[in-house]
């Protein structure tokens, strides 16, 4: 959090009779928020615990912008999101000749997939002297966003939720500024942003949390939602509203580009002032947190986000994976369930138009019967032979025996226009656990005597293993990758020939 003393503080005492009803789905989610899970993440990224990242053990002494440790922290966040089943994005940006990177992942909405709510925190830190654990500023917000990603990974929301971790906040809000600018340029429909920065300190135990908003009516509406959540779910924090809010953290990037946003922060400038004395120091550590206060702050943010994104009714079928792969000029859809309740079956729906909000453009292309009731893993597949070059979207419409239905998340696949050269296809399934298949195409220009290889690399570029070496005749081929002995994480596989090489990434879950 960057200090900026130009602000106007307005303290509003609420005596509101709220008619809103408790949503049992949100209530259950709040009870599942876990202080041990939060503390583990904080200890991992503040150097209290050694942590294994990409197969190597490190102690993160700081998260200074553009430093090696900060880059490792980004990998850590990326891999944690992978472990929750997301497809995270590493978004690089350049500032003053130095490259930083944001990490984010999206949970696609079932009804309004192109309308997005963002929950975010910066993961870099700083210190006036020595190393910077950066527990309150801002491992507190980082761990909170990661905890919400964990809790919402098995939920369905009507609106898309984006879990964002910003780099280089301490150097000038650079990461969030880049993301907000790109979103504006690309007409991304951001309905609201919740920024978490310094939410672990409550030295006088008065339970005060500040919520900062600009004068944008939609920002104020998000703030009002937080006030309601605090009341009806008995979070019991004392909320101080600041309008217009201070310009000291990543929410400002979104205000500048016209997106609605609010900022949650501990009682940083209130009366009486309860400023964290370990701010930007080598003593900014978890041991000084007020853990009860911190858990409430996370619950407030999670409840507000869940309310805005609109949790769906529980999916009667626990869908643990849903993937699309190109096999022999067709699209192979594969999905797996962990449990099923009254599952009549799955209708497979397809579209080729990017505007996903128009439900009328989805086409039913097939049906696969379900297994009724099951407490064990069940595997399903469907092959779509009617594809040409272009991008396709797929979703499952799962029917219960009583005729009610729910939609899965949306997945997509790009179909190339044809094969005239060496081709390397996306592995399937992906993400995968232990075994996956890799397809490739040898063009007719090859005689069959050319030596080719497929090798696996980690994110640092280290060669991990050889998947295939030898010669293949022209045509489509597949090889299996057995990754039983490897750690979970992101990897790259490369197909090499005498005159060319192609690379793709894959995700291993354990």
Protein backbone atom coordinates (compact mmCIF):
# COMPACT_ATOMS: atom_id res chain seq x y z
CA UNK A 1 0.00 0.00 0.00
CA UNK A 2 1.40 3.35 -1.03
CA UNK A 3 0.91 6.26 1.36
CA UNK A 4 -0.93 9.31 0.07
CA UNK A 5 -2.35 11.81 2.52
CA UNK A 6 -4.76 13.59 0.16
CA UNK A 7 -8.08 12.16 1.26
CA UNK A 8 -11.45 12.90 2.77
CA UNK A 9 -12.63 10.54 5.49
CA UNK A 10 -16.32 10.17 6.03
CA UNK A 11 -17.46 7.94 8.88
CA UNK A 12 -21.00 6.75 8.42
CA UNK A 13 -22.87 5.20 11.35
CA UNK A 14 -25.38 2.73 10.03
CA UNK A 15 -28.72 2.14 11.65
CA UNK A 16 -30.29 0.40 8.69
CA UNK A 17 -33.17 -2.02 8.84
CA UNK A 18 -32.17 -4.52 6.17
CA UNK A 19 -34.76 -6.69 4.50
CA UNK A 20 -32.22 -8.81 2.62
CA UNK A 21 -32.35 -12.50 3.42
CA UNK A 22 -29.46 -14.76 4.24
CA UNK A 23 -28.32 -16.87 1.28
CA UNK A 24 -27.50 -20.27 2.73
CA UNK A 25 -24.92 -20.88 0.00
CA UNK A 26 -22.99 -17.78 1.03
CA UNK A 27 -23.41 -18.60 4.70
CA UNK A 28 -21.90 -22.05 4.17
CA UNK A 29 -19.05 -20.58 2.15
CA UNK A 30 -18.19 -18.17 4.96
CA UNK A 31 -18.06 -20.99 7.50
CA UNK A 32 -15.58 -22.82 5.26
CA UNK A 33 -13.14 -19.89 5.23
CA UNK A 34 -10.10 -21.33 6.99
CA UNK A 35 -7.56 -19.35 9.02
CA UNK A 36 -5.06 -22.23 8.80
CA UNK A 37 -5.24 -22.15 5.01
CA UNK A 38 -4.77 -18.37 5.04
CA UNK A 39 -1.87 -18.58 7.48
CA UNK A 40 -0.14 -21.27 5.45
CA UNK A 41 -0.14 -19.09 2.35
CA UNK A 42 1.17 -16.09 4.28
CA UNK A 43 3.95 -18.13 5.86
CA UNK A 44 4.88 -19.57 2.46
CA UNK A 45 5.32 -16.23 0.72
CA UNK A 46 6.81 -14.28 3.63
CA UNK A 47 9.74 -16.61 4.24
CA UNK A 48 8.45 -18.12 7.48
CA UNK A 49 8.23 -21.52 5.79
CA UNK A 50 10.50 -22.98 3.09
CA UNK A 51 8.34 -23.58 0.04
CA UNK A 52 8.78 -25.84 -2.99
CA UNK A 53 8.28 -24.02 -6.29
CA UNK A 54 8.75 -25.83 -9.60
CA UNK A 55 10.41 -28.73 -7.79
CA UNK A 56 13.01 -26.64 -5.90
CA UNK A 57 12.82 -25.50 -2.27
CA UNK A 58 13.21 -21.79 -1.54
CA UNK A 59 12.81 -19.35 1.33
CA UNK A 60 11.26 -16.15 0.00
CA UNK A 61 13.11 -13.42 1.88
CA UNK A 62 11.25 -10.64 0.07
CA UNK A 63 8.99 -9.93 -2.86
CA UNK A 64 10.65 -6.79 -4.17
CA UNK A 65 9.32 -5.84 -7.60
CA UNK A 66 11.28 -7.39 -10.50
CA UNK A 67 13.41 -9.50 -8.11
CA UNK A 68 14.08 -13.23 -8.36
CA UNK A 69 12.12 -13.87 -5.17
CA UNK A 70 9.14 -11.95 -6.49
CA UNK A 71 9.23 -13.95 -9.71
CA UNK A 72 9.21 -17.13 -7.65
CA UNK A 73 6.23 -15.81 -5.70
CA UNK A 74 4.44 -15.35 -9.02
CA UNK A 75 5.19 -18.99 -9.93
CA UNK A 76 3.91 -20.04 -6.50
CA UNK A 77 0.58 -18.25 -7.06
CA UNK A 78 0.33 -19.64 -10.58
CA UNK A 79 0.84 -23.20 -9.36
CA UNK A 80 -1.62 -22.81 -6.48
CA UNK A 81 -4.30 -21.69 -8.95
CA UNK A 82 -3.46 -24.70 -11.12
CA UNK A 83 -3.95 -26.94 -8.13
CA UNK A 84 -7.48 -25.59 -7.69
CA UNK A 85 -8.31 -26.52 -11.28
CA UNK A 86 -8.05 -23.09 -12.92
CA UNK A 87 -6.19 -22.19 -16.11
CA UNK A 88 -4.13 -19.26 -14.83
CA UNK A 89 -2.58 -16.56 -16.99
CA UNK A 90 0.86 -15.02 -16.51
CA UNK A 91 0.54 -11.49 -17.93
CA UNK A 92 3.90 -9.77 -18.52
CA UNK A 93 4.28 -6.00 -18.70
CA UNK A 94 7.26 -3.69 -19.06
CA UNK A 95 7.83 -0.63 -16.89
CA UNK A 96 10.99 1.49 -17.12
CA UNK A 97 12.74 -1.29 -19.00
CA UNK A 98 11.90 -3.95 -16.40
CA UNK A 99 9.44 -6.79 -16.86
CA UNK A 100 6.87 -7.63 -14.21
CA UNK A 101 3.94 -10.00 -14.43
CA UNK A 102 0.43 -10.22 -13.14
CA UNK A 103 -1.07 -13.61 -12.34
CA UNK A 104 -4.80 -14.14 -12.75
CA UNK A 105 -7.40 -16.82 -13.37
CA UNK A 106 -11.02 -16.66 -14.44
CA UNK A 107 -14.03 -18.62 -13.27
CA UNK A 108 -16.46 -18.37 -16.16
CA UNK A 109 -20.00 -17.34 -15.30
CA UNK A 110 -22.84 -19.64 -16.28
CA UNK A 111 -25.30 -16.91 -17.31
CA UNK A 112 -23.22 -13.77 -17.94
CA UNK A 113 -19.76 -15.07 -18.88
CA UNK A 114 -18.66 -11.81 -20.50
CA UNK A 115 -19.53 -9.70 -17.42
CA UNK A 116 -16.79 -9.85 -14.81
CA UNK A 117 -16.21 -9.15 -11.14
CA UNK A 118 -12.58 -8.90 -10.03
CA UNK A 119 -11.17 -9.73 -6.60
CA UNK A 120 -7.56 -8.62 -6.37
CA UNK A 121 -4.46 -7.91 -4.31
CA UNK A 122 -0.86 -6.97 -5.05
CA UNK A 123 1.72 -9.62 -4.20
CA UNK A 124 4.93 -7.56 -4.35
CA UNK A 125 6.27 -5.85 -1.23
CA UNK A 126 8.91 -3.42 -0.01
CA UNK A 127 10.86 -2.46 3.09
CA UNK A 128 12.66 0.69 4.15
CA UNK A 129 15.54 -1.39 5.58
CA UNK A 130 16.51 -5.05 5.08
CA UNK A 131 14.34 -7.86 3.76
CA UNK A 132 10.60 -7.54 3.48
CA UNK A 133 8.35 -10.35 4.72
CA UNK A 134 5.39 -8.17 3.71
CA UNK A 135 2.84 -10.10 5.73
CA UNK A 136 0.25 -7.36 6.19
CA UNK A 137 1.37 -5.41 3.10
CA UNK A 138 0.28 -7.40 1.25
CA UNK A 139 0.44 -11.14 1.86
CA UNK A 140 -2.79 -10.57 3.80
CA UNK A 141 -4.66 -9.59 0.63
CA UNK A 142 -2.82 -12.12 -1.54
CA UNK A 143 -3.71 -15.03 0.75
CA UNK A 144 -7.31 -13.83 0.92
CA UNK A 145 -7.70 -13.84 -2.87
CA UNK A 146 -6.13 -17.30 -3.05
CA UNK A 147 -8.47 -18.57 -0.33
CA UNK A 148 -11.45 -17.28 -2.29
CA UNK A 149 -10.16 -19.03 -5.40
CA UNK A 150 -10.04 -22.25 -3.37
CA UNK A 151 -13.53 -21.85 -1.94
CA UNK A 152 -15.17 -20.82 -5.21
CA UNK A 153 -13.43 -23.49 -7.30
CA UNK A 154 -16.29 -25.92 -6.65
CA UNK A 155 -19.06 -23.31 -6.92
CA UNK A 156 -20.95 -21.99 -9.93
CA UNK A 157 -21.51 -18.24 -10.35
CA UNK A 158 -23.76 -16.44 -12.80
CA UNK A 159 -21.10 -13.78 -13.46
CA UNK A 160 -17.47 -14.45 -14.29
CA UNK A 161 -15.09 -14.02 -11.35
CA UNK A 162 -11.45 -13.06 -11.96
CA UNK A 163 -8.86 -13.73 -9.24
CA UNK A 164 -6.01 -11.25 -9.80
CA UNK A 165 -2.57 -10.83 -8.25
CA UNK A 166 -0.84 -7.58 -9.22
CA UNK A 167 2.89 -7.04 -9.53
CA UNK A 168 4.79 -3.78 -8.93
CA UNK A 169 2.17 -1.98 -6.84
CA UNK A 170 4.85 -0.61 -4.56
CA UNK A 171 6.59 0.96 -7.58
CA UNK A 172 3.54 2.84 -8.80
CA UNK A 173 0.51 0.53 -9.33
CA UNK A 174 2.16 -0.69 -12.53
CA UNK A 175 0.64 -4.17 -12.78
CA UNK A 176 -2.97 -3.18 -12.13
CA UNK A 177 -2.59 -0.10 -14.33
CA UNK A 178 -1.49 -2.29 -17.24
CA UNK A 179 -4.37 -4.73 -16.71
CA UNK A 180 -6.98 -1.97 -16.40
CA UNK A 181 -5.68 -0.21 -19.50
CA UNK A 182 -5.71 -3.42 -21.55
CA UNK A 183 -9.24 -4.14 -20.32
CA UNK A 184 -10.39 -0.70 -21.41
CA UNK A 185 -8.73 -1.00 -24.82
CA UNK A 186 -10.34 -4.42 -25.36
CA UNK A 187 -13.79 -3.35 -24.12
CA UNK A 188 -13.81 -5.89 -21.29
CA UNK A 189 -17.04 -5.62 -19.32
CA UNK A 190 -15.81 -5.24 -15.73
CA UNK A 191 -18.85 -4.90 -13.46
CA UNK A 192 -16.83 -4.25 -10.33
CA UNK A 193 -13.49 -4.61 -8.56
CA UNK A 194 -12.76 -5.43 -4.91
CA UNK A 195 -9.19 -4.58 -3.94
CA UNK A 196 -7.66 -6.03 -0.76
CA UNK A 197 -4.56 -4.30 0.60
CA UNK A 198 -3.49 -4.56 4.26
CA UNK A 199 -6.32 -6.35 6.09
CA UNK A 200 -4.53 -8.17 8.94
CA UNK A 201 -3.71 -5.50 11.55
CA UNK A 202 -6.10 -4.45 14.32
CA UNK A 203 -3.86 -3.32 17.15
CA UNK A 204 -6.58 -1.85 19.35
CA UNK A 205 -9.03 -4.68 18.64
CA UNK A 206 -11.88 -2.33 17.72
CA UNK A 207 -12.80 -4.23 14.55
CA UNK A 208 -12.69 -1.18 12.28
CA UNK A 209 -12.23 -1.70 8.55
CA UNK A 210 -12.24 1.06 5.95
CA UNK A 211 -14.03 0.74 2.60
CA UNK A 212 -12.96 3.30 0.01
CA UNK A 213 -15.12 4.21 -2.99
CA UNK A 214 -15.10 6.91 -5.62
CA UNK A 215 -18.26 8.81 -6.61
CA UNK A 216 -19.12 6.32 -9.36
CA UNK A 217 -22.66 5.13 -8.60
CA UNK A 218 -21.67 1.52 -9.34
CA UNK A 219 -18.72 1.73 -6.93
CA UNK A 220 -21.06 3.04 -4.25
CA UNK A 221 -23.46 0.16 -4.98
CA UNK A 222 -20.64 -2.34 -4.38
CA UNK A 223 -19.81 -0.55 -1.12
CA UNK A 224 -23.48 -0.76 -0.11
CA UNK A 225 -23.45 -4.50 -0.84
CA UNK A 226 -20.52 -4.88 1.55
CA UNK A 227 -22.46 -3.03 4.26
CA UNK A 228 -25.37 -5.43 3.80
CA UNK A 229 -23.12 -8.50 3.90
CA UNK A 230 -21.48 -7.28 7.11
CA UNK A 231 -24.91 -6.94 8.70
CA UNK A 232 -26.94 -9.95 7.59
CA UNK A 233 -24.11 -12.48 7.91
CA UNK A 234 -23.02 -11.10 11.29
CA UNK A 235 -19.44 -10.49 10.22
CA UNK A 236 -19.55 -7.75 12.86
CA UNK A 237 -16.82 -5.46 11.65
CA UNK A 238 -17.17 -1.72 12.18
CA UNK A 239 -17.15 -0.30 8.66
CA UNK A 240 -15.92 3.21 7.97
CA UNK A 241 -16.82 4.51 4.52
CA UNK A 242 -14.40 6.87 2.74
CA UNK A 243 -15.84 8.77 -0.25
CA UNK A 244 -14.01 9.91 -2.28
CA UNK A 245 -11.56 7.19 -1.38
CA UNK A 246 -7.82 7.48 -1.04
CA UNK A 247 -5.58 6.90 -4.01
CA UNK A 248 -3.10 4.56 -2.38
CA UNK A 249 -3.60 1.16 -3.98
CA UNK A 250 -4.61 -0.77 -7.08
CA UNK A 251 -8.29 0.21 -7.11
CA UNK A 252 -7.16 3.60 -8.42
CA UNK A 253 -6.08 2.01 -11.72
CA UNK A 254 -9.67 0.96 -12.32
CA UNK A 255 -11.15 4.27 -11.21
CA UNK A 256 -8.93 6.02 -13.75
CA UNK A 257 -10.28 3.91 -16.60
CA UNK A 258 -13.89 4.26 -15.48
CA UNK A 259 -14.43 0.86 -13.86
CA UNK A 260 -16.30 0.65 -10.53
CA UNK A 261 -14.06 -0.42 -7.64
CA UNK A 262 -13.76 -0.39 -3.86
CA UNK A 263 -10.84 -0.92 -1.50
CA UNK A 264 -10.86 -2.77 1.82
CA UNK A 265 -8.08 -1.79 4.23
CA UNK A 266 -7.58 -1.99 7.99
CA UNK A 267 -8.07 1.17 10.08
CA UNK A 268 -5.11 2.90 8.45
CA UNK A 269 -6.02 6.53 9.10
CA UNK A 270 -9.05 6.41 11.36
CA UNK A 271 -9.80 8.07 14.67
CA UNK A 272 -8.26 6.88 16.88
CA UNK A 273 -5.52 6.05 14.39
CA UNK A 274 -4.53 2.37 14.44
CA UNK A 275 -1.60 2.39 12.02
CA UNK A 276 0.45 -0.82 11.72
CA UNK A 277 3.85 0.06 13.27
CA UNK A 278 5.56 -2.71 11.24
CA UNK A 279 4.51 -1.22 7.89
CA UNK A 280 7.24 -1.58 5.22
CA UNK A 281 9.68 -3.10 7.69
CA UNK A 282 11.48 -6.39 8.21
CA UNK A 283 9.07 -7.09 11.08
CA UNK A 284 5.89 -7.09 8.99
CA UNK A 285 5.11 -10.67 9.96
CA UNK A 286 2.10 -12.91 10.57
CA UNK A 287 2.81 -13.09 14.30
CA UNK A 288 1.54 -9.52 14.67
CA UNK A 289 -1.80 -10.16 12.96
CA UNK A 290 -5.10 -10.00 14.78
CA UNK A 291 -6.21 -13.34 13.34
CA UNK A 292 -9.85 -13.02 14.41
CA UNK A 293 -10.05 -9.63 12.71
CA UNK A 294 -8.26 -10.94 9.62
CA UNK A 295 -10.68 -13.84 9.23
CA UNK A 296 -13.61 -11.42 9.47
CA UNK A 297 -12.08 -9.14 6.83
CA UNK A 298 -11.66 -12.09 4.45
CA UNK A 299 -15.23 -13.21 5.15
CA UNK A 300 -16.55 -9.72 4.40
CA UNK A 301 -14.76 -9.62 1.05
CA UNK A 302 -15.78 -13.18 0.15
CA UNK A 303 -19.41 -12.56 1.08
CA UNK A 304 -19.49 -9.36 -0.98
CA UNK A 305 -17.92 -11.06 -4.00
CA UNK A 306 -20.26 -14.06 -3.77
CA UNK A 307 -23.28 -11.78 -3.49
CA UNK A 308 -22.24 -9.76 -6.54
CA UNK A 309 -21.28 -12.76 -8.69
CA UNK A 310 -24.49 -14.59 -7.67
CA UNK A 311 -23.81 -18.13 -6.54
CA UNK A 312 -25.81 -20.78 -8.37
CA UNK A 313 -27.62 -23.63 -6.69
CA UNK A 314 -25.25 -26.53 -5.97
CA UNK A 315 -24.46 -28.60 -9.04
CA UNK A 316 -26.06 -32.03 -8.37
CA UNK A 317 -23.16 -33.56 -10.25
CA UNK A 318 -19.64 -32.73 -9.05
CA UNK A 319 -17.80 -32.17 -12.32
CA UNK A 320 -14.06 -32.34 -11.67
CA UNK A 321 -12.76 -31.87 -15.24
CA UNK A 322 -14.01 -30.94 -18.70
CA UNK A 323 -11.56 -30.73 -21.63
CA UNK A 324 -11.49 -30.44 -25.42
CA UNK A 325 -8.75 -31.88 -27.63
CA UNK A 326 -8.24 -32.24 -31.37
CA UNK A 327 -7.89 -35.87 -32.48
CA UNK A 328 -7.82 -36.95 -36.14
CA UNK A 329 -9.61 -33.83 -37.41
CA UNK A 330 -12.33 -34.13 -34.76
CA UNK A 331 -12.83 -32.61 -31.32
CA UNK A 332 -12.75 -35.05 -28.42
CA UNK A 333 -14.63 -33.83 -25.34
CA UNK A 334 -13.84 -35.59 -22.07
CA UNK A 335 -15.23 -35.00 -18.60
CA UNK A 336 -15.13 -36.64 -15.21
CA UNK A 337 -17.49 -36.56 -12.24
CA UNK A 338 -16.59 -37.28 -8.63
CA UNK A 339 -20.16 -37.73 -7.38
CA UNK A 340 -23.60 -37.81 -9.01
CA UNK A 341 -27.10 -37.35 -7.61
CA UNK A 342 -30.14 -38.18 -9.78
CA UNK A 343 -28.05 -37.60 -12.90
CA UNK A 344 -30.15 -38.29 -16.00
CA UNK A 345 -27.42 -37.26 -18.40
CA UNK A 346 -25.49 -34.59 -20.27
CA UNK A 347 -26.57 -32.62 -23.30
CA UNK A 348 -23.52 -31.37 -25.20
CA UNK A 349 -23.88 -27.83 -26.51
CA UNK A 350 -21.67 -26.03 -29.01
CA UNK A 351 -21.25 -22.62 -30.56
CA UNK A 352 -18.71 -20.87 -32.77
CA UNK A 353 -19.51 -17.23 -31.91
CA UNK A 354 -17.37 -15.37 -29.38
CA UNK A 355 -20.23 -13.41 -27.77
CA UNK A 356 -21.03 -15.99 -25.13
CA UNK A 357 -23.82 -13.99 -23.50
CA UNK A 358 -26.27 -14.89 -26.29
CA UNK A 359 -27.65 -18.20 -25.03
CA UNK A 360 -29.80 -18.65 -28.14
CA UNK A 361 -26.74 -19.36 -30.28
CA UNK A 362 -25.88 -22.61 -28.46
CA UNK A 363 -26.65 -25.81 -30.43
CA UNK A 364 -27.36 -29.25 -29.01
CA UNK A 365 -24.98 -31.70 -30.72
CA UNK A 366 -25.48 -34.85 -28.65
CA UNK A 367 -26.50 -36.54 -25.41
CA UNK A 368 -24.66 -38.89 -23.06
CA UNK A 369 -26.58 -40.77 -20.36
CA UNK A 370 -25.56 -40.27 -16.75
CA UNK A 371 -25.03 -42.81 -13.98
CA UNK A 372 -27.91 -41.75 -11.73
CA UNK A 373 -26.44 -41.84 -8.24
CA UNK A 374 -22.75 -42.44 -7.72
CA UNK A 375 -20.06 -41.77 -5.11
CA UNK A 376 -17.16 -42.85 -7.34
CA UNK A 377 -15.38 -41.25 -10.29
CA UNK A 378 -17.16 -41.61 -13.63
CA UNK A 379 -15.60 -40.85 -17.01
CA UNK A 380 -17.43 -39.58 -20.10
CA UNK A 381 -16.47 -38.64 -23.66
CA UNK A 382 -18.06 -37.33 -26.83
CA UNK A 383 -16.55 -36.81 -30.30
CA UNK A 384 -17.61 -33.87 -32.44
CA UNK A 385 -16.83 -34.76 -36.06
CA UNK A 386 -18.48 -31.67 -37.53
CA UNK A 387 -15.65 -29.14 -37.24
CA UNK A 388 -13.80 -26.88 -39.61
CA UNK A 389 -11.11 -24.26 -39.11
CA UNK A 390 -12.02 -21.75 -36.39
CA UNK A 391 -12.72 -21.44 -32.67
CA UNK A 392 -15.44 -23.48 -30.97
CA UNK A 393 -17.01 -23.27 -27.52
CA UNK A 394 -18.56 -26.18 -25.64
CA UNK A 395 -20.57 -26.62 -22.46
CA UNK A 396 -22.48 -29.42 -20.77
CA UNK A 397 -26.14 -29.12 -19.87
CA UNK A 398 -26.60 -31.63 -17.06
CA UNK A 399 -30.16 -32.89 -16.52
CA UNK A 400 -31.58 -34.34 -13.32
CA UNK A 401 -34.18 -37.09 -13.39
CA UNK A 402 -36.87 -34.49 -12.63
CA UNK A 403 -35.99 -32.42 -15.72
CA UNK A 404 -34.14 -29.62 -13.94
CA UNK A 405 -30.72 -28.74 -15.34
CA UNK A 406 -27.44 -26.93 -14.70
CA UNK A 407 -24.69 -25.71 -17.01
CA UNK A 408 -21.00 -26.50 -16.74
CA UNK A 409 -18.23 -23.98 -17.27
CA UNK A 410 -17.52 -23.10 -20.91
CA UNK A 411 -14.41 -24.46 -22.63
CA UNK A 412 -13.00 -23.61 -26.06
CA UNK A 413 -10.65 -24.99 -28.69
CA UNK A 414 -8.99 -23.54 -31.82
CA UNK A 415 -9.07 -25.70 -34.96
CA UNK A 416 -6.23 -24.97 -37.42
CA UNK A 417 -7.00 -24.38 -41.09
CA UNK A 418 -5.08 -27.42 -42.33
CA UNK A 419 -1.81 -29.26 -42.13
CA UNK A 420 0.96 -28.44 -44.57
CA UNK A 421 3.81 -28.49 -42.10
CA UNK A 422 4.89 -30.06 -38.86
CA UNK A 423 2.12 -29.72 -36.23
CA UNK A 424 2.07 -30.25 -32.46
CA UNK A 425 -1.36 -30.57 -30.81
CA UNK A 426 -2.53 -29.80 -27.30
CA UNK A 427 -2.24 -32.77 -24.99
CA UNK A 428 -5.41 -34.41 -23.69
CA UNK A 429 -6.63 -34.53 -21.07
CA UNK A 430 -5.26 -31.21 -19.86
CA UNK A 431 -4.92 -30.57 -16.96
CA UNK A 432 -4.10 -34.20 -16.20
CA UNK A 433 -2.98 -36.47 -13.39
CA UNK A 434 -0.02 -38.72 -14.27
CA UNK A 435 -0.85 -39.78 -17.87
CA UNK A 436 -1.76 -37.74 -20.94
CA UNK A 437 -1.63 -38.14 -24.73
CA UNK A 438 0.28 -35.85 -27.11
CA UNK A 439 -0.64 -35.73 -30.79
CA UNK A 440 1.51 -34.49 -33.66
CA UNK A 441 1.46 -34.42 -37.46
CA UNK A 442 4.32 -35.28 -39.82
CA UNK A 443 3.77 -33.59 -43.23
CA UNK A 444 4.07 -35.35 -46.58
CA UNK A 445 7.25 -33.38 -47.28
CA UNK A 446 9.00 -35.60 -44.72
CA UNK A 447 10.44 -38.81 -46.14
CA UNK A 448 10.16 -40.76 -42.90
CA UNK A 449 13.90 -40.70 -42.38
CA UNK A 450 13.98 -37.42 -40.44
CA UNK A 451 14.84 -37.71 -36.76
CA UNK A 452 12.31 -36.02 -34.46
CA UNK A 453 12.01 -35.72 -30.69
CA UNK A 454 9.44 -34.62 -28.13
CA UNK A 455 10.89 -33.45 -24.82
CA UNK A 456 9.44 -32.06 -21.59
CA UNK A 457 10.75 -28.91 -19.88
CA UNK A 458 9.97 -27.10 -16.62
CA UNK A 459 9.08 -23.39 -16.46
CA UNK A 460 12.76 -22.51 -16.04
CA UNK A 461 13.67 -24.25 -19.31
CA UNK A 462 15.32 -27.29 -17.74
CA UNK A 463 14.89 -30.51 -19.71
CA UNK A 464 12.93 -32.97 -17.57
CA UNK A 465 12.50 -36.03 -19.76
CA UNK A 466 12.36 -37.33 -23.32
CA UNK A 467 8.86 -38.35 -24.36
CA UNK A 468 9.78 -39.64 -27.83
CA UNK A 469 12.85 -39.88 -30.03
CA UNK A 470 13.00 -41.51 -33.44
CA UNK A 471 11.52 -41.45 -36.93
CA UNK A 472 7.86 -41.44 -38.00
CA UNK A 473 6.17 -41.73 -41.38
CA UNK A 474 4.04 -38.79 -42.60
CA UNK A 475 0.62 -38.60 -40.93
CA UNK A 476 -1.02 -38.20 -37.52
CA UNK A 477 0.62 -39.80 -34.49
CA UNK A 478 0.18 -39.96 -30.72
CA UNK A 479 2.52 -40.70 -27.84
CA UNK A 480 1.80 -41.05 -24.14
CA UNK A 481 3.47 -38.97 -21.45
CA UNK A 482 3.76 -40.73 -18.10
CA UNK A 483 4.37 -38.05 -15.44
CA UNK A 484 3.81 -40.22 -12.39
CA UNK A 485 7.16 -39.25 -10.87
CA UNK A 486 6.84 -35.49 -11.51
CA UNK A 487 5.57 -32.75 -9.21
CA UNK A 488 2.38 -30.85 -9.97
CA UNK A 489 2.81 -27.65 -11.94
CA UNK A 490 3.20 -26.06 -15.34
CA UNK A 491 5.45 -27.71 -17.95
CA UNK A 492 6.28 -27.23 -21.63
CA UNK A 493 6.68 -29.92 -24.30
CA UNK A 494 8.62 -29.37 -27.51
CA UNK A 495 8.51 -31.20 -30.83
CA UNK A 496 11.83 -30.81 -32.68
CA UNK A 497 12.75 -31.74 -36.24
CA UNK A 498 15.94 -30.96 -38.20
CA UNK A 499 14.52 -27.63 -39.42
CA UNK A 500 11.79 -26.65 -36.97
CA UNK A 501 10.49 -26.89 -33.43
CA UNK A 502 7.06 -26.34 -31.85
CA UNK A 503 6.21 -25.84 -28.17
CA UNK A 504 3.04 -26.11 -26.08
CA UNK A 505 2.34 -26.02 -22.36
CA UNK A 506 0.60 -28.58 -20.18
CA UNK A 507 -0.63 -28.68 -16.60
CA UNK A 508 0.04 -31.57 -14.23
CA UNK A 509 -2.22 -31.97 -11.19
CA UNK A 510 -1.53 -34.25 -8.26
